[in-house]
């Protein structure tokens, strides 16, 4: 059976991840490890740069019966506590869920819309009149100038569609432009959703 994985982190960070797991395994103030995220979009050369993308998420948790997945498995919570206490580690997750051939991406969106919506909301999200997904409907992107994890090299090389984007273009309302400017200059996201509480910062 073919398994389509979308989240990877660089093999070069594996040592840091293992060290953090060892350091905090007996620390009662740490329930899991928090990773930074880089969301690729449209192709393997662009990443989302606006505040619409979640920039951090828990991806390693302790084997505890009170810890459970929450929010469509995006994050985790703990019975009797709520938010998990986490150690923020210097490792990035590369998320490739928005990088597919436009035909495949459109089929994926229609499938997801059918699972979670119906009626007018399904029409709005599934856009059945479209054969291909329109990657141009995005607010802001940045060019990716790093390297992909080794496990992704073949997949990147086999990209069978073209996608280009003018990174100078920003498609936002005036309010969101102001929020975007604050985020880019300060790193602060107004109203950012955080389903975790940072109690430790692992600096290797």
N, C-alpha and C. Protein backbone atom coordinates (compact mmCIF):
# COMPACT_ATOMS: atom_id res chain seq x y z
N UNK A 1 0.85 -1.20 0.00
CA UNK A 1 0.00 0.00 0.00
C UNK A 1 0.87 1.24 0.00
N UNK A 2 0.56 2.18 -0.89
CA UNK A 2 1.34 3.41 -0.98
C UNK A 2 0.96 4.36 0.15
N UNK A 3 1.96 4.88 0.85
CA UNK A 3 1.72 5.83 1.93
C UNK A 3 2.22 7.20 1.50
N UNK A 4 1.35 8.21 1.55
CA UNK A 4 1.71 9.55 1.13
C UNK A 4 2.03 10.39 2.36
N UNK A 5 3.31 10.58 2.63
CA UNK A 5 3.73 11.36 3.78
C UNK A 5 3.99 12.80 3.37
N UNK A 6 3.62 13.72 4.23
CA UNK A 6 3.76 15.14 3.90
C UNK A 6 4.70 15.90 4.81
N UNK A 7 5.03 15.35 5.97
CA UNK A 7 5.87 16.04 6.94
C UNK A 7 7.22 15.35 7.10
N UNK A 8 8.31 16.12 6.97
CA UNK A 8 9.65 15.58 7.12
C UNK A 8 10.53 16.60 7.84
N UNK A 9 11.58 16.13 8.48
CA UNK A 9 12.57 17.09 8.96
C UNK A 9 13.94 16.63 8.50
N UNK A 10 14.85 17.59 8.41
CA UNK A 10 16.17 17.31 7.87
C UNK A 10 16.91 16.29 8.71
N UNK A 11 17.59 15.37 8.06
CA UNK A 11 18.34 14.34 8.76
C UNK A 11 19.44 14.96 9.63
N UNK A 12 19.91 16.15 9.23
CA UNK A 12 20.95 16.83 10.00
C UNK A 12 20.47 17.23 11.40
N UNK A 13 19.16 17.32 11.59
CA UNK A 13 18.61 17.71 12.88
C UNK A 13 18.28 16.50 13.76
N UNK A 14 18.49 15.31 13.26
CA UNK A 14 18.11 14.12 14.00
C UNK A 14 18.84 14.02 15.34
N UNK A 15 20.10 14.39 15.37
CA UNK A 15 20.86 14.33 16.63
C UNK A 15 20.27 15.26 17.67
N UNK A 16 19.91 16.48 17.26
CA UNK A 16 19.32 17.43 18.19
C UNK A 16 17.99 16.92 18.73
N UNK A 17 17.19 16.29 17.87
CA UNK A 17 15.91 15.75 18.30
C UNK A 17 16.13 14.65 19.33
N UNK A 18 17.05 13.75 19.07
CA UNK A 18 17.33 12.67 20.01
C UNK A 18 17.85 13.21 21.34
N UNK A 19 18.71 14.22 21.28
CA UNK A 19 19.25 14.80 22.51
C UNK A 19 18.15 15.46 23.34
N UNK A 20 17.21 16.13 22.67
CA UNK A 20 16.11 16.77 23.38
C UNK A 20 15.20 15.72 24.02
N UNK A 21 14.96 14.64 23.32
CA UNK A 21 14.12 13.56 23.87
C UNK A 21 14.77 12.97 25.12
N UNK A 22 16.08 12.78 25.08
CA UNK A 22 16.79 12.23 26.22
C UNK A 22 16.81 13.23 27.38
N UNK A 23 17.01 14.49 27.08
CA UNK A 23 17.13 15.51 28.13
C UNK A 23 15.82 15.69 28.90
N UNK A 24 14.69 15.62 28.21
CA UNK A 24 13.42 15.94 28.84
C UNK A 24 12.54 14.73 29.16
N UNK A 25 13.06 13.53 28.98
CA UNK A 25 12.22 12.35 29.18
C UNK A 25 11.73 12.20 30.62
N UNK A 26 12.50 12.72 31.59
CA UNK A 26 12.11 12.63 33.00
C UNK A 26 11.73 13.99 33.59
N UNK A 27 11.58 14.99 32.73
CA UNK A 27 11.23 16.33 33.18
C UNK A 27 9.70 16.45 33.21
N UNK A 28 9.13 16.60 34.41
CA UNK A 28 7.67 16.66 34.55
C UNK A 28 7.07 17.94 33.98
N UNK A 29 7.90 18.91 33.65
CA UNK A 29 7.41 20.16 33.07
C UNK A 29 7.37 20.13 31.55
N UNK A 30 7.69 18.97 30.97
CA UNK A 30 7.71 18.82 29.51
C UNK A 30 6.87 17.61 29.12
N UNK A 31 5.81 17.86 28.34
CA UNK A 31 4.96 16.78 27.84
C UNK A 31 5.32 16.37 26.41
N UNK A 32 6.00 17.28 25.69
CA UNK A 32 6.32 16.99 24.31
C UNK A 32 7.31 17.98 23.74
N UNK A 33 7.63 17.80 22.46
CA UNK A 33 8.59 18.67 21.78
C UNK A 33 7.88 19.47 20.69
N UNK A 34 8.22 20.76 20.63
CA UNK A 34 7.62 21.68 19.69
C UNK A 34 8.58 21.97 18.54
N UNK A 35 8.12 21.78 17.30
CA UNK A 35 8.94 22.00 16.11
C UNK A 35 8.50 23.27 15.38
N UNK A 36 9.44 23.91 14.69
CA UNK A 36 9.10 24.97 13.76
C UNK A 36 8.59 24.34 12.47
N UNK A 37 7.80 25.10 11.71
CA UNK A 37 7.24 24.57 10.47
C UNK A 37 7.59 25.44 9.28
N UNK A 38 7.81 24.80 8.15
CA UNK A 38 7.99 25.48 6.87
C UNK A 38 7.00 24.83 5.90
N UNK A 39 6.04 25.61 5.41
CA UNK A 39 4.96 25.09 4.57
C UNK A 39 5.26 25.39 3.09
N UNK A 40 5.51 24.35 2.33
CA UNK A 40 5.74 24.52 0.89
C UNK A 40 4.38 24.63 0.19
N UNK A 41 4.37 25.41 -0.90
CA UNK A 41 3.10 25.66 -1.57
C UNK A 41 3.31 25.76 -3.08
N UNK A 42 2.47 25.04 -3.81
CA UNK A 42 2.47 25.13 -5.27
C UNK A 42 3.59 24.36 -5.94
N UNK A 43 4.79 24.48 -5.42
CA UNK A 43 5.96 23.78 -5.92
C UNK A 43 6.98 23.71 -4.80
N UNK A 44 8.11 23.12 -5.10
CA UNK A 44 9.12 22.91 -4.06
C UNK A 44 10.04 24.11 -3.87
N UNK A 45 9.77 25.20 -4.61
CA UNK A 45 10.62 26.39 -4.52
C UNK A 45 9.99 27.54 -3.76
N UNK A 46 8.77 27.33 -3.23
CA UNK A 46 8.07 28.41 -2.54
C UNK A 46 7.50 27.93 -1.20
N UNK A 47 7.52 28.83 -0.22
CA UNK A 47 6.93 28.53 1.09
C UNK A 47 5.99 29.66 1.49
N UNK A 48 4.97 29.30 2.24
CA UNK A 48 4.03 30.30 2.73
C UNK A 48 4.73 31.27 3.67
N UNK A 49 4.47 32.56 3.50
CA UNK A 49 5.17 33.57 4.32
C UNK A 49 4.23 34.40 5.17
N UNK A 50 2.93 34.18 5.05
CA UNK A 50 1.99 34.99 5.82
C UNK A 50 1.64 34.31 7.13
N UNK A 51 0.88 35.03 7.94
CA UNK A 51 0.52 34.52 9.26
C UNK A 51 -0.62 33.52 9.22
N UNK A 52 -1.12 33.19 8.04
CA UNK A 52 -2.20 32.21 7.93
C UNK A 52 -1.72 30.79 8.23
N UNK A 53 -0.42 30.55 8.08
CA UNK A 53 0.13 29.22 8.29
C UNK A 53 0.52 29.04 9.76
N UNK A 54 0.26 27.86 10.31
CA UNK A 54 0.75 27.62 11.67
C UNK A 54 2.26 27.45 11.60
N UNK A 55 2.98 28.16 12.45
CA UNK A 55 4.44 28.17 12.36
C UNK A 55 5.12 27.21 13.32
N UNK A 56 4.38 26.69 14.29
CA UNK A 56 4.94 25.72 15.22
C UNK A 56 3.89 24.68 15.55
N UNK A 57 4.34 23.46 15.82
CA UNK A 57 3.39 22.43 16.22
C UNK A 57 4.11 21.33 16.98
N UNK A 58 3.38 20.66 17.85
CA UNK A 58 3.92 19.53 18.63
C UNK A 58 3.96 18.30 17.74
N UNK A 59 5.11 17.67 17.66
CA UNK A 59 5.21 16.47 16.84
C UNK A 59 5.83 15.27 17.56
N UNK A 60 6.26 15.47 18.79
CA UNK A 60 6.71 14.35 19.62
C UNK A 60 6.10 14.54 21.00
N UNK A 61 5.44 13.51 21.52
CA UNK A 61 4.83 13.57 22.85
C UNK A 61 5.27 12.36 23.66
N UNK A 62 5.17 12.50 24.97
CA UNK A 62 5.49 11.39 25.85
C UNK A 62 4.38 10.34 25.81
N UNK A 63 4.76 9.12 26.08
CA UNK A 63 3.79 8.01 26.09
C UNK A 63 3.03 8.05 27.42
N UNK A 64 1.99 8.89 27.46
CA UNK A 64 1.21 9.10 28.67
C UNK A 64 -0.27 8.88 28.35
N UNK A 65 -0.99 8.13 29.17
CA UNK A 65 -2.40 7.82 28.87
C UNK A 65 -3.31 9.03 28.81
N UNK A 66 -2.92 10.16 29.42
CA UNK A 66 -3.77 11.34 29.41
C UNK A 66 -3.54 12.25 28.22
N UNK A 67 -2.52 11.96 27.41
CA UNK A 67 -2.24 12.79 26.23
C UNK A 67 -2.97 12.21 25.02
N UNK A 68 -3.68 13.08 24.30
CA UNK A 68 -4.46 12.62 23.15
C UNK A 68 -4.38 13.63 22.01
N UNK A 69 -4.57 13.14 20.78
CA UNK A 69 -4.54 14.02 19.62
C UNK A 69 -5.78 14.90 19.60
N UNK A 70 -5.63 16.11 19.06
CA UNK A 70 -6.72 17.09 19.10
C UNK A 70 -6.68 17.94 17.83
N UNK A 71 -7.85 18.31 17.35
CA UNK A 71 -7.91 19.21 16.19
C UNK A 71 -7.48 18.53 14.91
N UNK A 72 -8.15 17.43 14.55
CA UNK A 72 -7.82 16.71 13.32
C UNK A 72 -6.37 16.24 13.33
N UNK A 73 -5.90 15.85 14.53
CA UNK A 73 -4.54 15.32 14.73
C UNK A 73 -3.46 16.35 14.48
N UNK A 74 -3.81 17.63 14.37
CA UNK A 74 -2.78 18.65 14.19
C UNK A 74 -1.97 18.84 15.46
N UNK A 75 -2.64 18.81 16.60
CA UNK A 75 -1.95 19.01 17.87
C UNK A 75 -2.38 18.01 18.92
N UNK A 76 -2.06 18.29 20.17
CA UNK A 76 -2.35 17.38 21.27
C UNK A 76 -2.81 18.15 22.49
N UNK A 77 -3.55 17.47 23.35
CA UNK A 77 -3.95 18.01 24.64
C UNK A 77 -3.77 16.94 25.71
N UNK A 78 -3.98 17.35 26.97
CA UNK A 78 -3.80 16.44 28.08
C UNK A 78 -5.01 16.54 29.00
N UNK A 79 -5.61 15.40 29.33
CA UNK A 79 -6.77 15.38 30.22
C UNK A 79 -6.41 16.05 31.56
N UNK A 80 -7.29 16.94 32.02
CA UNK A 80 -7.08 17.60 33.29
C UNK A 80 -6.11 18.76 33.25
N UNK A 81 -5.51 18.98 32.10
CA UNK A 81 -4.51 20.04 31.97
C UNK A 81 -4.78 20.96 30.79
N UNK A 82 -5.27 20.38 29.71
CA UNK A 82 -5.50 21.17 28.50
C UNK A 82 -4.25 21.22 27.64
N UNK A 83 -3.68 22.40 27.49
CA UNK A 83 -2.50 22.58 26.66
C UNK A 83 -1.31 21.78 27.19
N UNK A 84 -0.55 21.20 26.26
CA UNK A 84 0.66 20.50 26.65
C UNK A 84 1.78 21.48 26.96
N UNK A 85 2.61 21.14 27.92
CA UNK A 85 3.82 21.90 28.23
C UNK A 85 4.93 21.32 27.35
N UNK A 86 5.62 22.18 26.63
CA UNK A 86 6.55 21.68 25.62
C UNK A 86 7.92 22.35 25.71
N UNK A 87 8.89 21.64 25.14
CA UNK A 87 10.22 22.20 24.93
C UNK A 87 10.33 22.57 23.46
N UNK A 88 10.67 23.82 23.19
CA UNK A 88 10.82 24.30 21.81
C UNK A 88 12.23 23.95 21.35
N UNK A 89 12.34 23.18 20.28
CA UNK A 89 13.66 22.73 19.82
C UNK A 89 13.99 23.32 18.46
N UNK A 90 15.28 23.49 18.15
CA UNK A 90 15.70 24.11 16.89
C UNK A 90 15.70 23.13 15.73
N UNK A 91 14.52 22.63 15.39
CA UNK A 91 14.39 21.71 14.26
C UNK A 91 13.13 22.06 13.49
N UNK A 92 13.20 22.04 12.17
CA UNK A 92 12.07 22.42 11.33
C UNK A 92 11.43 21.21 10.68
N UNK A 93 10.11 21.24 10.68
CA UNK A 93 9.34 20.28 9.91
C UNK A 93 9.05 20.89 8.55
N UNK A 94 9.34 20.14 7.49
CA UNK A 94 9.01 20.59 6.14
C UNK A 94 7.68 19.96 5.75
N UNK A 95 6.68 20.80 5.53
CA UNK A 95 5.34 20.31 5.22
C UNK A 95 5.06 20.45 3.72
N UNK A 96 4.73 19.32 3.08
CA UNK A 96 4.56 19.30 1.62
C UNK A 96 3.12 19.00 1.19
N UNK A 97 2.17 19.16 2.10
CA UNK A 97 0.78 18.82 1.78
C UNK A 97 0.16 19.68 0.69
N UNK A 98 0.73 20.87 0.46
CA UNK A 98 0.21 21.76 -0.58
C UNK A 98 1.09 21.76 -1.82
N UNK A 99 1.83 20.68 -2.01
CA UNK A 99 2.66 20.53 -3.21
C UNK A 99 2.28 19.24 -3.92
N UNK A 100 1.43 19.37 -4.90
CA UNK A 100 1.01 18.24 -5.72
C UNK A 100 0.72 18.75 -7.13
N UNK A 101 0.66 17.84 -8.08
CA UNK A 101 0.17 18.20 -9.40
C UNK A 101 -1.21 18.83 -9.23
N UNK A 102 -1.51 19.95 -9.93
CA UNK A 102 -2.80 20.64 -9.75
C UNK A 102 -4.02 19.73 -9.90
N UNK A 103 -3.93 18.70 -10.73
CA UNK A 103 -5.04 17.76 -10.87
C UNK A 103 -5.22 16.95 -9.58
N UNK A 104 -4.12 16.49 -9.02
CA UNK A 104 -4.16 15.72 -7.78
C UNK A 104 -4.59 16.58 -6.60
N UNK A 105 -4.13 17.82 -6.58
CA UNK A 105 -4.50 18.71 -5.48
C UNK A 105 -5.99 19.02 -5.50
N UNK A 106 -6.53 19.20 -6.69
CA UNK A 106 -7.97 19.47 -6.80
C UNK A 106 -8.78 18.28 -6.31
N UNK A 107 -8.36 17.08 -6.67
CA UNK A 107 -9.05 15.86 -6.22
C UNK A 107 -8.97 15.73 -4.71
N UNK A 108 -7.82 16.07 -4.14
CA UNK A 108 -7.64 16.01 -2.69
C UNK A 108 -8.59 16.98 -1.99
N UNK A 109 -8.68 18.22 -2.50
CA UNK A 109 -9.54 19.22 -1.87
C UNK A 109 -11.01 18.80 -1.95
N UNK A 110 -11.41 18.20 -3.04
CA UNK A 110 -12.80 17.76 -3.18
C UNK A 110 -13.10 16.62 -2.20
N UNK A 111 -12.13 15.73 -2.02
CA UNK A 111 -12.31 14.62 -1.07
C UNK A 111 -12.43 15.14 0.35
N UNK A 112 -11.56 16.06 0.72
CA UNK A 112 -11.60 16.64 2.07
C UNK A 112 -12.90 17.40 2.30
N UNK A 113 -13.34 18.15 1.29
CA UNK A 113 -14.57 18.93 1.42
C UNK A 113 -15.77 18.00 1.62
N UNK A 114 -15.77 16.87 0.94
CA UNK A 114 -16.87 15.91 1.08
C UNK A 114 -16.91 15.30 2.48
N UNK A 115 -15.75 15.16 3.11
CA UNK A 115 -15.68 14.58 4.45
C UNK A 115 -16.21 15.52 5.53
N UNK A 116 -15.99 16.83 5.33
CA UNK A 116 -16.26 17.78 6.41
C UNK A 116 -17.38 18.77 6.12
N UNK A 117 -17.86 18.84 4.87
CA UNK A 117 -18.85 19.87 4.54
C UNK A 117 -19.93 19.31 3.61
N UNK A 118 -21.01 20.07 3.48
CA UNK A 118 -22.10 19.68 2.59
C UNK A 118 -22.80 20.94 2.08
N UNK A 119 -23.67 20.76 1.10
CA UNK A 119 -24.46 21.87 0.58
C UNK A 119 -23.62 22.99 0.01
N UNK A 120 -23.99 24.24 0.33
CA UNK A 120 -23.31 25.41 -0.20
C UNK A 120 -21.85 25.47 0.25
N UNK A 121 -21.59 25.02 1.48
CA UNK A 121 -20.22 25.05 1.97
C UNK A 121 -19.35 24.09 1.17
N UNK A 122 -19.91 22.93 0.79
CA UNK A 122 -19.16 21.98 -0.04
C UNK A 122 -18.85 22.60 -1.40
N UNK A 123 -19.85 23.28 -2.01
CA UNK A 123 -19.65 23.93 -3.30
C UNK A 123 -18.54 24.96 -3.21
N UNK A 124 -18.51 25.71 -2.10
CA UNK A 124 -17.52 26.76 -1.93
C UNK A 124 -16.12 26.20 -1.80
N UNK A 125 -15.97 25.12 -1.04
CA UNK A 125 -14.65 24.58 -0.76
C UNK A 125 -14.17 23.59 -1.82
N UNK A 126 -15.07 22.78 -2.35
CA UNK A 126 -14.67 21.76 -3.32
C UNK A 126 -14.46 22.33 -4.72
N UNK A 127 -15.21 23.38 -5.05
CA UNK A 127 -15.13 24.02 -6.37
C UNK A 127 -15.17 22.97 -7.49
N UNK A 128 -16.27 22.24 -7.59
CA UNK A 128 -16.38 21.14 -8.56
C UNK A 128 -16.27 21.60 -10.01
N UNK A 129 -16.48 22.89 -10.27
CA UNK A 129 -16.38 23.40 -11.63
C UNK A 129 -14.94 23.45 -12.12
N UNK A 130 -13.97 23.34 -11.19
CA UNK A 130 -12.56 23.40 -11.56
C UNK A 130 -12.00 21.99 -11.78
N UNK A 131 -11.23 21.83 -12.83
CA UNK A 131 -10.55 20.57 -13.07
C UNK A 131 -9.21 20.53 -12.35
N UNK A 132 -8.56 21.69 -12.29
CA UNK A 132 -7.27 21.78 -11.64
C UNK A 132 -7.32 22.79 -10.48
N UNK A 133 -6.52 22.54 -9.48
CA UNK A 133 -6.45 23.45 -8.35
C UNK A 133 -5.72 24.72 -8.78
N UNK A 134 -6.25 25.88 -8.37
CA UNK A 134 -5.66 27.17 -8.73
C UNK A 134 -4.70 27.61 -7.63
N UNK A 135 -3.42 27.34 -7.82
CA UNK A 135 -2.42 27.71 -6.82
C UNK A 135 -2.20 29.22 -6.75
N UNK A 136 -2.72 29.94 -7.72
CA UNK A 136 -2.51 31.38 -7.74
C UNK A 136 -3.33 32.11 -6.68
N UNK A 137 -4.30 31.41 -6.10
CA UNK A 137 -5.14 32.01 -5.07
C UNK A 137 -4.45 31.90 -3.71
N UNK A 138 -3.41 32.66 -3.53
CA UNK A 138 -2.64 32.63 -2.28
C UNK A 138 -2.23 34.06 -1.95
N UNK A 139 -2.09 34.36 -0.66
CA UNK A 139 -1.83 35.74 -0.27
C UNK A 139 -0.38 36.16 -0.42
N UNK A 140 0.56 35.33 0.05
CA UNK A 140 1.98 35.71 -0.02
C UNK A 140 2.87 34.48 0.09
N UNK A 141 3.93 34.48 -0.70
CA UNK A 141 4.91 33.38 -0.67
C UNK A 141 6.32 33.95 -0.68
N UNK A 142 7.26 33.14 -0.20
CA UNK A 142 8.68 33.47 -0.28
C UNK A 142 9.39 32.37 -1.05
N UNK A 143 10.49 32.72 -1.69
CA UNK A 143 11.28 31.73 -2.40
C UNK A 143 12.09 30.91 -1.41
N UNK A 144 12.09 29.60 -1.59
CA UNK A 144 12.86 28.71 -0.73
C UNK A 144 14.26 28.54 -1.31
N UNK A 145 15.27 28.87 -0.51
CA UNK A 145 16.64 28.82 -0.99
C UNK A 145 17.49 27.77 -0.25
N UNK A 146 16.83 26.94 0.54
CA UNK A 146 17.56 25.93 1.28
C UNK A 146 17.62 24.62 0.52
N UNK A 147 17.83 23.54 1.24
CA UNK A 147 17.88 22.20 0.65
C UNK A 147 16.80 21.34 1.27
N UNK A 148 16.26 20.45 0.48
CA UNK A 148 15.22 19.56 0.95
C UNK A 148 15.85 18.33 1.63
N UNK A 149 15.11 17.70 2.55
CA UNK A 149 15.61 16.47 3.17
C UNK A 149 15.95 15.42 2.10
N UNK A 150 16.93 14.60 2.39
CA UNK A 150 17.38 13.60 1.42
C UNK A 150 16.25 12.70 0.93
N UNK A 151 15.35 12.37 1.84
CA UNK A 151 14.26 11.47 1.48
C UNK A 151 13.31 12.10 0.46
N UNK A 152 13.39 13.43 0.30
CA UNK A 152 12.51 14.13 -0.63
C UNK A 152 13.17 14.42 -1.97
N UNK A 153 14.44 14.16 -2.13
CA UNK A 153 15.17 14.55 -3.33
C UNK A 153 14.56 13.99 -4.61
N UNK A 154 14.19 12.73 -4.61
CA UNK A 154 13.61 12.11 -5.81
C UNK A 154 12.26 12.72 -6.13
N UNK A 155 11.47 12.95 -5.12
CA UNK A 155 10.15 13.54 -5.32
C UNK A 155 10.26 14.95 -5.89
N UNK A 156 11.22 15.72 -5.40
CA UNK A 156 11.44 17.08 -5.91
C UNK A 156 11.88 17.03 -7.37
N UNK A 157 12.80 16.13 -7.68
CA UNK A 157 13.33 16.02 -9.04
C UNK A 157 12.26 15.58 -10.04
N UNK A 158 11.24 14.84 -9.57
CA UNK A 158 10.21 14.31 -10.46
C UNK A 158 8.99 15.22 -10.58
N UNK A 159 9.08 16.45 -10.12
CA UNK A 159 7.94 17.36 -10.25
C UNK A 159 7.56 17.47 -11.73
N UNK A 160 6.28 17.21 -12.03
CA UNK A 160 5.84 17.16 -13.43
C UNK A 160 4.89 18.31 -13.80
N UNK A 161 4.95 19.40 -13.07
CA UNK A 161 4.18 20.59 -13.40
C UNK A 161 5.03 21.81 -13.08
N UNK A 162 4.64 22.95 -13.62
CA UNK A 162 5.37 24.19 -13.38
C UNK A 162 4.53 25.13 -12.52
N UNK A 163 5.20 25.81 -11.62
CA UNK A 163 4.54 26.82 -10.81
C UNK A 163 5.53 27.93 -10.51
N UNK A 164 5.14 29.16 -10.82
CA UNK A 164 5.97 30.31 -10.51
C UNK A 164 5.09 31.35 -9.83
N UNK A 165 5.72 32.19 -9.02
CA UNK A 165 4.97 33.16 -8.25
C UNK A 165 5.81 34.42 -8.05
N UNK A 166 5.20 35.57 -8.23
CA UNK A 166 5.87 36.84 -8.00
C UNK A 166 5.83 37.12 -6.49
N UNK A 167 6.96 36.92 -5.81
CA UNK A 167 7.00 37.06 -4.36
C UNK A 167 6.79 38.50 -3.89
N UNK A 168 6.80 39.44 -4.82
CA UNK A 168 6.53 40.84 -4.46
C UNK A 168 5.03 41.09 -4.32
N UNK A 169 4.25 40.18 -4.83
CA UNK A 169 2.80 40.34 -4.82
C UNK A 169 2.22 39.91 -3.48
N UNK A 170 1.36 40.74 -2.92
CA UNK A 170 0.69 40.42 -1.66
C UNK A 170 -0.81 40.64 -1.86
N UNK A 171 -1.60 39.59 -1.73
CA UNK A 171 -3.04 39.69 -1.93
C UNK A 171 -3.73 39.63 -0.57
N UNK A 172 -3.87 40.79 0.07
CA UNK A 172 -4.48 40.87 1.38
C UNK A 172 -5.30 42.15 1.51
N UNK A 173 -6.22 42.12 2.47
CA UNK A 173 -6.96 43.33 2.81
C UNK A 173 -6.01 44.28 3.54
N UNK A 174 -6.42 45.51 3.71
CA UNK A 174 -5.57 46.49 4.39
C UNK A 174 -5.25 46.05 5.81
N UNK A 175 -6.24 45.53 6.51
CA UNK A 175 -6.03 45.08 7.89
C UNK A 175 -5.02 43.95 7.93
N UNK A 176 -5.18 42.98 7.04
CA UNK A 176 -4.25 41.84 7.03
C UNK A 176 -2.86 42.26 6.56
N UNK A 177 -2.78 43.28 5.71
CA UNK A 177 -1.46 43.81 5.32
C UNK A 177 -0.74 44.39 6.54
N UNK A 178 -1.48 45.08 7.38
CA UNK A 178 -0.89 45.64 8.59
C UNK A 178 -0.43 44.54 9.53
N UNK A 179 -1.24 43.50 9.68
CA UNK A 179 -0.87 42.37 10.53
C UNK A 179 0.35 41.64 9.96
N UNK A 180 0.37 41.54 8.64
CA UNK A 180 1.49 40.88 7.97
C UNK A 180 2.79 41.65 8.19
N UNK A 181 2.70 42.99 8.09
CA UNK A 181 3.88 43.84 8.30
C UNK A 181 4.41 43.70 9.72
N UNK A 182 3.50 43.66 10.68
CA UNK A 182 3.90 43.48 12.08
C UNK A 182 4.59 42.14 12.27
N UNK A 183 4.03 41.11 11.66
CA UNK A 183 4.61 39.76 11.76
C UNK A 183 6.01 39.72 11.15
N UNK A 184 6.19 40.31 9.98
CA UNK A 184 7.48 40.25 9.29
C UNK A 184 8.55 41.05 10.02
N UNK A 185 8.17 42.14 10.65
CA UNK A 185 9.16 43.00 11.32
C UNK A 185 9.45 42.58 12.76
N UNK A 186 8.46 42.00 13.42
CA UNK A 186 8.62 41.67 14.84
C UNK A 186 8.59 40.18 15.15
N UNK A 187 8.02 39.38 14.23
CA UNK A 187 7.87 37.95 14.51
C UNK A 187 6.65 37.65 15.36
N UNK A 188 5.87 38.67 15.67
CA UNK A 188 4.68 38.50 16.50
C UNK A 188 3.44 38.39 15.62
N UNK A 189 2.61 37.37 15.88
CA UNK A 189 1.38 37.17 15.13
C UNK A 189 0.20 37.55 16.02
N UNK A 190 -0.53 38.56 15.62
CA UNK A 190 -1.69 39.01 16.39
C UNK A 190 -2.75 37.91 16.40
N UNK A 191 -3.16 37.52 17.61
CA UNK A 191 -4.21 36.50 17.74
C UNK A 191 -3.76 35.10 17.37
N UNK A 192 -2.46 34.82 17.42
CA UNK A 192 -1.96 33.50 17.03
C UNK A 192 -2.52 32.40 17.94
N UNK A 193 -3.02 31.35 17.32
CA UNK A 193 -3.53 30.20 18.06
C UNK A 193 -2.36 29.33 18.49
N UNK A 194 -2.27 29.08 19.78
CA UNK A 194 -1.20 28.23 20.31
C UNK A 194 -1.82 27.20 21.25
N UNK A 195 -1.82 25.95 20.84
CA UNK A 195 -2.37 24.90 21.69
C UNK A 195 -1.27 24.22 22.49
N UNK A 196 -0.35 25.03 23.01
CA UNK A 196 0.77 24.54 23.80
C UNK A 196 1.27 25.66 24.71
N UNK A 197 2.07 25.28 25.69
CA UNK A 197 2.71 26.25 26.57
C UNK A 197 4.19 25.92 26.63
N UNK A 198 5.02 26.85 26.16
CA UNK A 198 6.46 26.61 26.13
C UNK A 198 7.04 26.75 27.54
N UNK A 199 7.61 25.66 28.05
CA UNK A 199 8.21 25.68 29.39
C UNK A 199 9.73 25.51 29.35
N UNK A 200 10.25 25.05 28.22
CA UNK A 200 11.69 24.88 28.06
C UNK A 200 12.07 25.26 26.65
N UNK A 201 13.29 25.74 26.48
CA UNK A 201 13.84 26.02 25.15
C UNK A 201 15.16 25.28 25.02
N UNK A 202 15.18 24.33 24.10
CA UNK A 202 16.36 23.49 23.91
C UNK A 202 17.30 24.17 22.93
N UNK A 203 18.48 24.55 23.43
CA UNK A 203 19.47 25.22 22.58
C UNK A 203 20.71 24.34 22.54
N UNK A 204 20.88 23.66 21.43
CA UNK A 204 21.97 22.69 21.33
C UNK A 204 23.28 23.37 20.97
